[in-house]
Amino acid sequence: MKLDADLPKYYPQLAKINKLVTHILTDTLTHTTGFSLNFENGTKNDHLLELYLLAWQTEKPIGSQWQCSNGGCGLAAVVLEKQNNKSINEFIRANILAPLRMTPFAMLKEA
């Protein structure tokens, strides 16, 4: 994935939504989109996420101010899932934890 790519490249449904969200992958990951801390209804499913993004308006120019956003992290996770056809947990295990020979904490507690 390229951070400067438009989000619809990885999440095509977004091309039909809010033009503000099409160019913000880097800003999403650096918490400079202006997204609120949490999205209403979270990112529980694609439909709710798309409804939120359809209505979303930024109060300040994108990239101008840092603000922590769990919703933005959720959006980044959804984009990764769509790009890789894996859940975010599967993606993290396969691409981060396994190469580092790390075991998820929950698995350690079960042992």
Protein backbone atom coordinates (compact mmCIF):
# COMPACT_ATOMS: atom_id res chain seq x y z
CA MET A 1 0.00 0.00 0.00
CA LYS A 2 1.12 3.52 -0.68
CA LEU A 3 0.38 6.15 1.92
CA ASP A 4 -0.12 8.87 -0.66
CA ALA A 5 -2.63 6.81 -2.66
CA ASP A 6 -6.29 7.72 -2.67
CA LEU A 7 -8.35 5.62 -0.28
CA PRO A 8 -10.73 4.44 -3.04
CA LYS A 9 -7.81 2.53 -4.55
CA TYR A 10 -8.04 0.21 -1.53
CA TYR A 11 -11.70 0.80 -0.57
CA PRO A 12 -13.59 1.49 -3.82
CA GLN A 13 -16.91 2.31 -2.11
CA LEU A 14 -15.35 5.50 -0.76
CA ALA A 15 -15.09 6.97 -4.27
CA LYS A 16 -18.85 7.49 -4.18
CA ILE A 17 -18.86 9.09 -0.76
CA ASN A 18 -17.33 12.24 0.66
CA LYS A 19 -14.57 13.69 -1.53
CA LEU A 20 -12.77 14.86 1.63
CA VAL A 21 -12.00 11.27 2.62
CA THR A 22 -10.48 10.16 -0.67
CA HIS A 23 -7.02 11.63 -0.08
CA ILE A 24 -6.42 11.09 3.63
CA LEU A 25 -4.64 7.79 4.21
CA THR A 26 -1.46 9.43 5.52
CA ASP A 27 -3.45 11.93 7.56
CA THR A 28 -5.56 9.10 8.98
CA LEU A 29 -2.47 7.28 10.20
CA THR A 30 -0.91 10.45 11.65
CA HIS A 31 -4.17 11.57 13.31
CA THR A 32 -4.33 14.83 11.35
CA THR A 33 -7.63 14.34 9.49
CA GLY A 34 -9.77 16.13 12.02
CA PHE A 35 -11.74 12.97 12.77
CA SER A 36 -13.28 12.93 16.24
CA LEU A 37 -11.95 10.58 18.91
CA ASN A 38 -14.61 7.98 18.08
CA PHE A 39 -16.93 7.59 15.11
CA GLU A 40 -20.62 7.36 15.93
CA ASN A 41 -21.54 3.66 15.74
CA GLY A 42 -17.84 2.85 15.37
CA THR A 43 -16.69 0.89 12.36
CA LYS A 44 -18.85 -2.10 13.21
CA ASN A 45 -19.72 -2.69 9.58
CA ASP A 46 -19.05 -1.15 6.18
CA HIS A 47 -22.51 0.41 5.94
CA LEU A 48 -22.20 2.32 9.23
CA LEU A 49 -18.67 3.43 8.37
CA GLU A 50 -19.78 4.67 4.97
CA LEU A 51 -22.75 6.55 6.51
CA TYR A 52 -20.43 8.26 8.96
CA LEU A 53 -17.97 9.24 6.24
CA LEU A 54 -20.77 10.47 3.97
CA ALA A 55 -21.85 13.03 6.58
CA TRP A 56 -18.39 13.87 7.93
CA GLN A 57 -17.13 17.42 7.59
CA THR A 58 -13.81 18.67 8.86
CA GLU A 59 -13.73 21.71 11.12
CA LYS A 60 -10.13 22.61 10.23
CA PRO A 61 -8.06 21.95 7.12
CA ILE A 62 -6.96 18.30 6.86
CA GLY A 63 -3.36 17.96 7.99
CA SER A 64 -3.34 21.17 10.01
CA GLN A 65 -3.82 19.81 13.54
CA TRP A 66 -3.19 16.59 15.43
CA GLN A 67 -6.11 14.94 17.23
CA CYS A 68 -6.21 11.32 18.40
CA SER A 69 -8.88 9.35 16.58
CA ASN A 70 -9.81 5.77 17.36
CA GLY A 71 -12.22 5.96 14.43
CA GLY A 72 -9.35 6.88 12.11
CA CYS A 73 -7.42 3.83 13.32
CA GLY A 74 -10.52 1.74 12.67
CA LEU A 75 -10.77 3.16 9.15
CA ALA A 76 -7.10 2.31 8.51
CA ALA A 77 -7.78 -1.24 9.77
CA VAL A 78 -10.76 -1.61 7.42
CA VAL A 79 -8.63 -0.44 4.49
CA LEU A 80 -5.93 -2.99 5.39
CA GLU A 81 -8.55 -5.74 5.65
CA LYS A 82 -9.97 -4.91 2.23
CA GLN A 83 -6.54 -4.72 0.63
CA ASN A 84 -5.35 -8.03 2.09
CA ASN A 85 -8.58 -10.05 2.35
CA LYS A 86 -7.75 -10.82 5.99
CA SER A 87 -9.10 -9.57 9.29
CA ILE A 88 -6.89 -7.00 10.97
CA ASN A 89 -6.02 -9.59 13.63
CA GLU A 90 -4.95 -12.11 10.99
CA PHE A 91 -2.95 -9.41 9.23
CA ILE A 92 -1.13 -8.37 12.42
CA ARG A 93 -0.36 -11.99 13.35
CA ALA A 94 0.96 -12.88 9.89
CA ASN A 95 2.86 -9.68 9.09
CA ILE A 96 4.05 -8.39 12.43
CA LEU A 97 3.89 -10.96 15.21
CA ALA A 98 4.97 -14.10 13.31
CA PRO A 99 8.06 -12.54 11.66
CA LEU A 100 9.14 -11.24 15.06
CA ARG A 101 8.36 -14.61 16.67
CA MET A 102 5.95 -12.94 19.04
CA THR A 103 2.90 -14.61 20.56
CA PRO A 104 -0.27 -12.60 21.18
CA PHE A 105 -0.77 -11.92 24.90
CA ALA A 106 -4.12 -13.76 24.96
CA MET A 107 -2.36 -16.93 23.79
CA LEU A 108 0.20 -16.61 26.59
CA LYS A 109 -2.56 -16.42 29.20
CA GLU A 110 -4.08 -19.66 27.90
CA ALA A 111 -0.82 -21.62 28.11
